[in-house]
């Protein structure tokens, strides 16, 4: 098991997606849509932040709960990407790249949740 959340591949991937969302929302048209810009940035931040917060809880049950929240925020990103595409803020190719990153993160989160549910290790706070 990782010693810190920064070691988790899923967190690293979420961080990259967050950076890409930030770049995307700084572009001319998108940067002026303050509500969508704020919403998608917060969703992207929530993915990585909930992985970190869950990890720091030191117990699988809480970690799994936060991973599910992260997974939900990741779904929000995909929905918000559709809105940005529909509004003409970026092209189909850029959409496909970011959508693919989000799908990959969702798969990683799902696999990690499955692993934690079946793991004998329940977290460091449960050690005697």
N, C-alpha and C. Protein backbone atom coordinates (compact mmCIF):
# COMPACT_ATOMS: atom_id res chain seq x y z
N UNK A 1 0.84 -1.19 0.00
CA UNK A 1 0.00 0.00 0.00
C UNK A 1 0.88 1.25 0.00
N UNK A 2 0.42 2.27 -0.62
CA UNK A 2 1.15 3.53 -0.70
C UNK A 2 1.35 4.14 0.69
N UNK A 3 2.43 4.84 0.84
CA UNK A 3 2.73 5.50 2.11
C UNK A 3 2.09 6.89 2.21
N UNK A 4 1.81 7.48 1.05
CA UNK A 4 1.16 8.79 1.01
C UNK A 4 0.29 8.86 -0.24
N UNK A 5 -0.71 9.69 -0.21
CA UNK A 5 -1.65 9.74 -1.33
C UNK A 5 -0.98 10.16 -2.63
N UNK A 6 0.10 10.94 -2.53
CA UNK A 6 0.81 11.38 -3.72
C UNK A 6 1.45 10.23 -4.49
N UNK A 7 1.56 9.07 -3.85
CA UNK A 7 2.12 7.88 -4.51
C UNK A 7 1.08 7.13 -5.34
N UNK A 8 -0.18 7.43 -5.14
CA UNK A 8 -1.25 6.70 -5.83
C UNK A 8 -1.36 7.14 -7.29
N UNK A 9 -1.33 6.17 -8.20
CA UNK A 9 -1.44 6.48 -9.63
C UNK A 9 -2.74 7.21 -9.94
N UNK A 10 -3.82 6.81 -9.30
CA UNK A 10 -5.11 7.45 -9.58
C UNK A 10 -5.09 8.92 -9.17
N UNK A 11 -4.42 9.24 -8.08
CA UNK A 11 -4.30 10.65 -7.66
C UNK A 11 -3.44 11.42 -8.66
N UNK A 12 -2.35 10.79 -9.12
CA UNK A 12 -1.48 11.45 -10.10
C UNK A 12 -2.24 11.74 -11.39
N UNK A 13 -3.04 10.79 -11.83
CA UNK A 13 -3.84 10.99 -13.05
C UNK A 13 -4.89 12.09 -12.84
N UNK A 14 -5.50 12.12 -11.67
CA UNK A 14 -6.49 13.16 -11.35
C UNK A 14 -5.83 14.54 -11.33
N UNK A 15 -4.61 14.59 -10.85
CA UNK A 15 -3.88 15.86 -10.83
C UNK A 15 -3.61 16.36 -12.25
N UNK A 16 -3.22 15.45 -13.14
CA UNK A 16 -2.98 15.83 -14.54
C UNK A 16 -4.27 16.33 -15.18
N UNK A 17 -5.38 15.62 -14.94
CA UNK A 17 -6.66 16.08 -15.50
C UNK A 17 -7.02 17.46 -14.95
N UNK A 18 -6.79 17.68 -13.68
CA UNK A 18 -7.06 18.98 -13.07
C UNK A 18 -6.25 20.08 -13.77
N UNK A 19 -4.99 19.80 -14.05
CA UNK A 19 -4.14 20.77 -14.74
C UNK A 19 -4.67 21.06 -16.15
N UNK A 20 -5.10 20.02 -16.84
CA UNK A 20 -5.63 20.18 -18.20
C UNK A 20 -6.94 20.96 -18.20
N UNK A 21 -7.78 20.72 -17.20
CA UNK A 21 -9.04 21.47 -17.08
C UNK A 21 -8.73 22.95 -16.82
N UNK A 22 -7.74 23.22 -15.99
CA UNK A 22 -7.36 24.60 -15.71
C UNK A 22 -6.92 25.31 -16.99
N UNK A 23 -6.05 24.64 -17.78
CA UNK A 23 -5.61 25.23 -19.05
C UNK A 23 -6.79 25.48 -19.98
N UNK A 24 -7.66 24.50 -20.08
CA UNK A 24 -8.83 24.60 -20.96
C UNK A 24 -9.70 25.80 -20.58
N UNK A 25 -9.92 25.98 -19.29
CA UNK A 25 -10.83 27.03 -18.84
C UNK A 25 -10.20 28.41 -18.85
N UNK A 26 -8.91 28.50 -19.13
CA UNK A 26 -8.26 29.80 -19.28
C UNK A 26 -8.35 30.33 -20.69
N UNK A 27 -8.85 29.53 -21.61
CA UNK A 27 -8.99 29.98 -23.00
C UNK A 27 -10.11 31.00 -23.10
N UNK A 28 -10.01 31.87 -24.11
CA UNK A 28 -10.88 33.03 -24.26
C UNK A 28 -12.36 32.80 -23.96
N UNK A 29 -13.02 32.03 -24.80
CA UNK A 29 -14.48 31.86 -24.64
C UNK A 29 -14.83 31.24 -23.30
N UNK A 30 -14.11 30.18 -22.95
CA UNK A 30 -14.43 29.45 -21.72
C UNK A 30 -14.17 30.32 -20.50
N UNK A 31 -13.13 31.10 -20.53
CA UNK A 31 -12.75 31.89 -19.35
C UNK A 31 -13.81 32.93 -18.98
N UNK A 32 -14.67 33.28 -19.92
CA UNK A 32 -15.71 34.28 -19.65
C UNK A 32 -17.02 33.68 -19.15
N UNK A 33 -17.13 32.35 -19.24
CA UNK A 33 -18.31 31.66 -18.70
C UNK A 33 -17.98 31.29 -17.26
N UNK A 34 -18.16 32.28 -16.38
CA UNK A 34 -17.68 32.14 -15.00
C UNK A 34 -18.30 30.97 -14.25
N UNK A 35 -19.57 30.70 -14.44
CA UNK A 35 -20.20 29.63 -13.67
C UNK A 35 -19.72 28.25 -14.13
N UNK A 36 -19.68 28.01 -15.44
CA UNK A 36 -19.22 26.71 -15.91
C UNK A 36 -17.73 26.53 -15.63
N UNK A 37 -16.96 27.59 -15.81
CA UNK A 37 -15.51 27.53 -15.52
C UNK A 37 -15.29 27.14 -14.06
N UNK A 38 -16.00 27.81 -13.16
CA UNK A 38 -15.86 27.51 -11.74
C UNK A 38 -16.33 26.09 -11.42
N UNK A 39 -17.43 25.70 -12.01
CA UNK A 39 -18.00 24.39 -11.72
C UNK A 39 -17.08 23.25 -12.16
N UNK A 40 -16.55 23.33 -13.38
CA UNK A 40 -15.69 22.25 -13.86
C UNK A 40 -14.35 22.24 -13.13
N UNK A 41 -13.85 23.41 -12.77
CA UNK A 41 -12.61 23.46 -11.99
C UNK A 41 -12.82 22.84 -10.61
N UNK A 42 -13.95 23.12 -10.00
CA UNK A 42 -14.20 22.55 -8.68
C UNK A 42 -14.41 21.05 -8.75
N UNK A 43 -15.06 20.58 -9.81
CA UNK A 43 -15.22 19.14 -9.99
C UNK A 43 -13.87 18.46 -10.15
N UNK A 44 -13.00 19.05 -10.97
CA UNK A 44 -11.67 18.47 -11.20
C UNK A 44 -10.86 18.46 -9.90
N UNK A 45 -10.94 19.53 -9.15
CA UNK A 45 -10.24 19.57 -7.86
C UNK A 45 -10.80 18.56 -6.88
N UNK A 46 -12.10 18.37 -6.92
CA UNK A 46 -12.76 17.43 -6.02
C UNK A 46 -12.30 15.99 -6.25
N UNK A 47 -12.02 15.64 -7.49
CA UNK A 47 -11.56 14.28 -7.77
C UNK A 47 -10.28 14.00 -7.01
N UNK A 48 -9.29 14.85 -7.16
CA UNK A 48 -8.01 14.61 -6.50
C UNK A 48 -8.09 14.86 -4.99
N UNK A 49 -8.86 15.85 -4.58
CA UNK A 49 -8.95 16.19 -3.16
C UNK A 49 -9.63 15.09 -2.35
N UNK A 50 -10.65 14.47 -2.91
CA UNK A 50 -11.34 13.40 -2.17
C UNK A 50 -10.51 12.14 -2.08
N UNK A 51 -9.68 11.88 -3.09
CA UNK A 51 -8.73 10.76 -2.97
C UNK A 51 -7.78 11.04 -1.81
N UNK A 52 -7.26 12.26 -1.75
CA UNK A 52 -6.33 12.63 -0.68
C UNK A 52 -6.99 12.57 0.69
N UNK A 53 -8.19 13.15 0.80
CA UNK A 53 -8.85 13.17 2.11
C UNK A 53 -9.19 11.76 2.58
N UNK A 54 -9.68 10.94 1.67
CA UNK A 54 -10.01 9.56 2.05
C UNK A 54 -8.78 8.80 2.50
N UNK A 55 -7.69 8.97 1.80
CA UNK A 55 -6.44 8.30 2.15
C UNK A 55 -6.01 8.68 3.57
N UNK A 56 -6.11 9.95 3.88
CA UNK A 56 -5.66 10.45 5.18
C UNK A 56 -6.57 10.03 6.33
N UNK A 57 -7.73 9.47 6.05
CA UNK A 57 -8.62 8.99 7.11
C UNK A 57 -8.12 7.69 7.73
N UNK A 58 -7.19 7.02 7.05
CA UNK A 58 -6.52 5.82 7.56
C UNK A 58 -7.45 4.64 7.82
N UNK A 59 -8.53 4.55 7.10
CA UNK A 59 -9.41 3.39 7.22
C UNK A 59 -10.11 3.12 5.90
N UNK A 60 -10.21 1.85 5.54
CA UNK A 60 -10.78 1.50 4.24
C UNK A 60 -12.21 1.97 4.04
N UNK A 61 -13.06 1.83 5.06
CA UNK A 61 -14.46 2.22 4.88
C UNK A 61 -14.59 3.70 4.52
N UNK A 62 -13.90 4.53 5.23
CA UNK A 62 -13.96 5.97 4.93
C UNK A 62 -13.27 6.27 3.59
N UNK A 63 -12.16 5.60 3.34
CA UNK A 63 -11.46 5.80 2.08
C UNK A 63 -12.37 5.45 0.90
N UNK A 64 -13.04 4.33 0.98
CA UNK A 64 -13.96 3.91 -0.08
C UNK A 64 -15.06 4.95 -0.26
N UNK A 65 -15.60 5.46 0.82
CA UNK A 65 -16.64 6.49 0.74
C UNK A 65 -16.14 7.71 -0.03
N UNK A 66 -14.92 8.16 0.27
CA UNK A 66 -14.36 9.32 -0.42
C UNK A 66 -14.01 9.01 -1.87
N UNK A 67 -13.62 7.77 -2.15
CA UNK A 67 -13.36 7.38 -3.54
C UNK A 67 -14.65 7.41 -4.36
N UNK A 68 -15.76 7.04 -3.74
CA UNK A 68 -17.05 7.14 -4.44
C UNK A 68 -17.42 8.60 -4.72
N UNK A 69 -17.13 9.48 -3.78
CA UNK A 69 -17.37 10.91 -4.01
C UNK A 69 -16.49 11.40 -5.16
N UNK A 70 -15.24 10.97 -5.16
CA UNK A 70 -14.31 11.32 -6.24
C UNK A 70 -14.84 10.82 -7.58
N UNK A 71 -15.35 9.60 -7.59
CA UNK A 71 -15.91 9.01 -8.81
C UNK A 71 -17.10 9.83 -9.31
N UNK A 72 -17.93 10.30 -8.39
CA UNK A 72 -19.06 11.14 -8.76
C UNK A 72 -18.61 12.47 -9.36
N UNK A 73 -17.62 13.09 -8.76
CA UNK A 73 -17.08 14.35 -9.29
C UNK A 73 -16.47 14.14 -10.67
N UNK A 74 -15.86 12.98 -10.86
CA UNK A 74 -15.29 12.65 -12.16
C UNK A 74 -16.39 12.55 -13.23
N UNK A 75 -17.54 12.00 -12.85
CA UNK A 75 -18.68 11.97 -13.77
C UNK A 75 -19.17 13.36 -14.10
N UNK A 76 -19.17 14.23 -13.09
CA UNK A 76 -19.56 15.64 -13.33
C UNK A 76 -18.67 16.29 -14.38
N UNK A 77 -17.38 16.01 -14.32
CA UNK A 77 -16.46 16.58 -15.31
C UNK A 77 -16.90 16.20 -16.72
N UNK A 78 -17.22 14.93 -16.92
CA UNK A 78 -17.62 14.50 -18.26
C UNK A 78 -18.88 15.21 -18.73
N UNK A 79 -19.83 15.38 -17.84
CA UNK A 79 -21.05 16.10 -18.20
C UNK A 79 -20.75 17.55 -18.53
N UNK A 80 -19.88 18.17 -17.75
CA UNK A 80 -19.51 19.56 -17.98
C UNK A 80 -18.70 19.71 -19.27
N UNK A 81 -17.92 18.69 -19.61
CA UNK A 81 -17.20 18.72 -20.88
C UNK A 81 -18.17 18.74 -22.05
N UNK A 82 -19.25 17.98 -21.94
CA UNK A 82 -20.27 18.01 -22.99
C UNK A 82 -20.85 19.42 -23.13
N UNK A 83 -21.09 20.07 -22.01
CA UNK A 83 -21.62 21.43 -22.07
C UNK A 83 -20.66 22.37 -22.78
N UNK A 84 -19.37 22.28 -22.42
CA UNK A 84 -18.37 23.12 -23.07
C UNK A 84 -18.27 22.84 -24.56
N UNK A 85 -18.35 21.57 -24.94
CA UNK A 85 -18.32 21.21 -26.36
C UNK A 85 -19.54 21.78 -27.07
N UNK A 86 -20.72 21.63 -26.45
CA UNK A 86 -21.95 22.13 -27.04
C UNK A 86 -21.94 23.65 -27.20
N UNK A 87 -21.25 24.34 -26.30
CA UNK A 87 -21.17 25.80 -26.37
C UNK A 87 -20.08 26.27 -27.31
N UNK A 88 -19.30 25.34 -27.86
CA UNK A 88 -18.24 25.70 -28.80
C UNK A 88 -16.97 26.23 -28.16
N UNK A 89 -16.74 25.90 -26.88
CA UNK A 89 -15.56 26.40 -26.18
C UNK A 89 -14.28 25.66 -26.59
N UNK A 90 -14.40 24.48 -27.17
CA UNK A 90 -13.26 23.68 -27.62
C UNK A 90 -13.76 22.69 -28.67
N UNK A 91 -12.83 22.07 -29.37
CA UNK A 91 -13.20 21.17 -30.46
C UNK A 91 -13.38 19.72 -29.98
N UNK A 92 -13.85 18.89 -30.89
CA UNK A 92 -14.11 17.49 -30.58
C UNK A 92 -12.85 16.75 -30.15
N UNK A 93 -11.73 17.06 -30.77
CA UNK A 93 -10.48 16.40 -30.43
C UNK A 93 -10.08 16.66 -28.98
N UNK A 94 -10.20 17.92 -28.56
CA UNK A 94 -9.87 18.27 -27.16
C UNK A 94 -10.85 17.60 -26.20
N UNK A 95 -12.12 17.58 -26.59
CA UNK A 95 -13.13 16.87 -25.79
C UNK A 95 -12.74 15.41 -25.63
N UNK A 96 -12.41 14.76 -26.74
CA UNK A 96 -12.07 13.33 -26.71
C UNK A 96 -10.89 13.05 -25.79
N UNK A 97 -9.88 13.91 -25.84
CA UNK A 97 -8.70 13.73 -24.98
C UNK A 97 -9.08 13.79 -23.50
N UNK A 98 -9.80 14.84 -23.12
CA UNK A 98 -10.17 15.02 -21.71
C UNK A 98 -11.19 13.98 -21.26
N UNK A 99 -12.13 13.66 -22.13
CA UNK A 99 -13.12 12.63 -21.82
C UNK A 99 -12.42 11.29 -21.57
N UNK A 100 -11.45 10.97 -22.42
CA UNK A 100 -10.69 9.73 -22.25
C UNK A 100 -9.91 9.69 -20.95
N UNK A 101 -9.33 10.82 -20.58
CA UNK A 101 -8.62 10.90 -19.30
C UNK A 101 -9.58 10.63 -18.14
N UNK A 102 -10.77 11.23 -18.23
CA UNK A 102 -11.76 11.06 -17.18
C UNK A 102 -12.24 9.61 -17.10
N UNK A 103 -12.48 9.00 -18.25
CA UNK A 103 -12.89 7.59 -18.27
C UNK A 103 -11.83 6.72 -17.61
N UNK A 104 -10.56 6.95 -17.93
CA UNK A 104 -9.47 6.19 -17.35
C UNK A 104 -9.43 6.35 -15.83
N UNK A 105 -9.62 7.56 -15.36
CA UNK A 105 -9.63 7.81 -13.91
C UNK A 105 -10.79 7.06 -13.26
N UNK A 106 -11.94 7.08 -13.91
CA UNK A 106 -13.10 6.35 -13.39
C UNK A 106 -12.82 4.86 -13.27
N UNK A 107 -12.15 4.30 -14.27
CA UNK A 107 -11.79 2.87 -14.22
C UNK A 107 -10.80 2.60 -13.09
N UNK A 108 -9.81 3.48 -12.94
CA UNK A 108 -8.85 3.33 -11.84
C UNK A 108 -9.54 3.41 -10.48
N UNK A 109 -10.45 4.36 -10.34
CA UNK A 109 -11.19 4.50 -9.07
C UNK A 109 -12.02 3.25 -8.80
N UNK A 110 -12.72 2.76 -9.82
CA UNK A 110 -13.53 1.56 -9.65
C UNK A 110 -12.70 0.35 -9.25
N UNK A 111 -11.56 0.18 -9.88
CA UNK A 111 -10.67 -0.94 -9.55
C UNK A 111 -10.12 -0.80 -8.13
N UNK A 112 -9.78 0.43 -7.76
CA UNK A 112 -9.23 0.67 -6.43
C UNK A 112 -10.29 0.40 -5.36
N UNK A 113 -11.50 0.83 -5.60
CA UNK A 113 -12.61 0.56 -4.66
C UNK A 113 -12.80 -0.94 -4.50
N UNK A 114 -12.81 -1.65 -5.60
CA UNK A 114 -12.97 -3.12 -5.57
C UNK A 114 -11.84 -3.76 -4.76
N UNK A 115 -10.62 -3.31 -5.00
CA UNK A 115 -9.47 -3.83 -4.26
C UNK A 115 -9.62 -3.57 -2.76
N UNK A 116 -9.96 -2.35 -2.39
CA UNK A 116 -10.07 -2.01 -0.96
C UNK A 116 -11.19 -2.79 -0.29
N UNK A 117 -12.28 -3.02 -0.99
CA UNK A 117 -13.39 -3.79 -0.42
C UNK A 117 -12.99 -5.23 -0.11
N UNK A 118 -12.09 -5.78 -0.91
CA UNK A 118 -11.70 -7.17 -0.72
C UNK A 118 -10.42 -7.33 0.10
N UNK A 119 -9.78 -6.23 0.44
CA UNK A 119 -8.51 -6.28 1.14
C UNK A 119 -8.68 -6.68 2.60
N UNK A 120 -7.73 -7.47 3.07
CA UNK A 120 -7.69 -7.85 4.48
C UNK A 120 -7.21 -6.68 5.34
N UNK A 121 -6.38 -5.83 4.74
CA UNK A 121 -5.87 -4.66 5.45
C UNK A 121 -6.99 -3.62 5.52
N UNK A 122 -7.35 -3.22 6.69
CA UNK A 122 -8.48 -2.31 6.85
C UNK A 122 -8.08 -0.88 7.18
N UNK A 123 -6.78 -0.63 7.29
CA UNK A 123 -6.32 0.74 7.55
C UNK A 123 -5.47 0.81 8.80
N UNK A 124 -4.57 1.79 8.80
CA UNK A 124 -3.62 1.89 9.91
C UNK A 124 -4.28 2.28 11.22
N UNK A 125 -5.43 2.92 11.19
CA UNK A 125 -6.05 3.31 12.46
C UNK A 125 -6.66 2.11 13.19
N UNK A 126 -6.74 0.96 12.51
CA UNK A 126 -7.31 -0.23 13.13
C UNK A 126 -6.25 -1.16 13.69
N UNK A 127 -4.96 -0.79 13.57
CA UNK A 127 -3.90 -1.60 14.14
C UNK A 127 -3.89 -1.44 15.65
N UNK A 128 -3.56 -2.52 16.34
CA UNK A 128 -3.49 -2.47 17.82
C UNK A 128 -2.15 -2.02 18.30
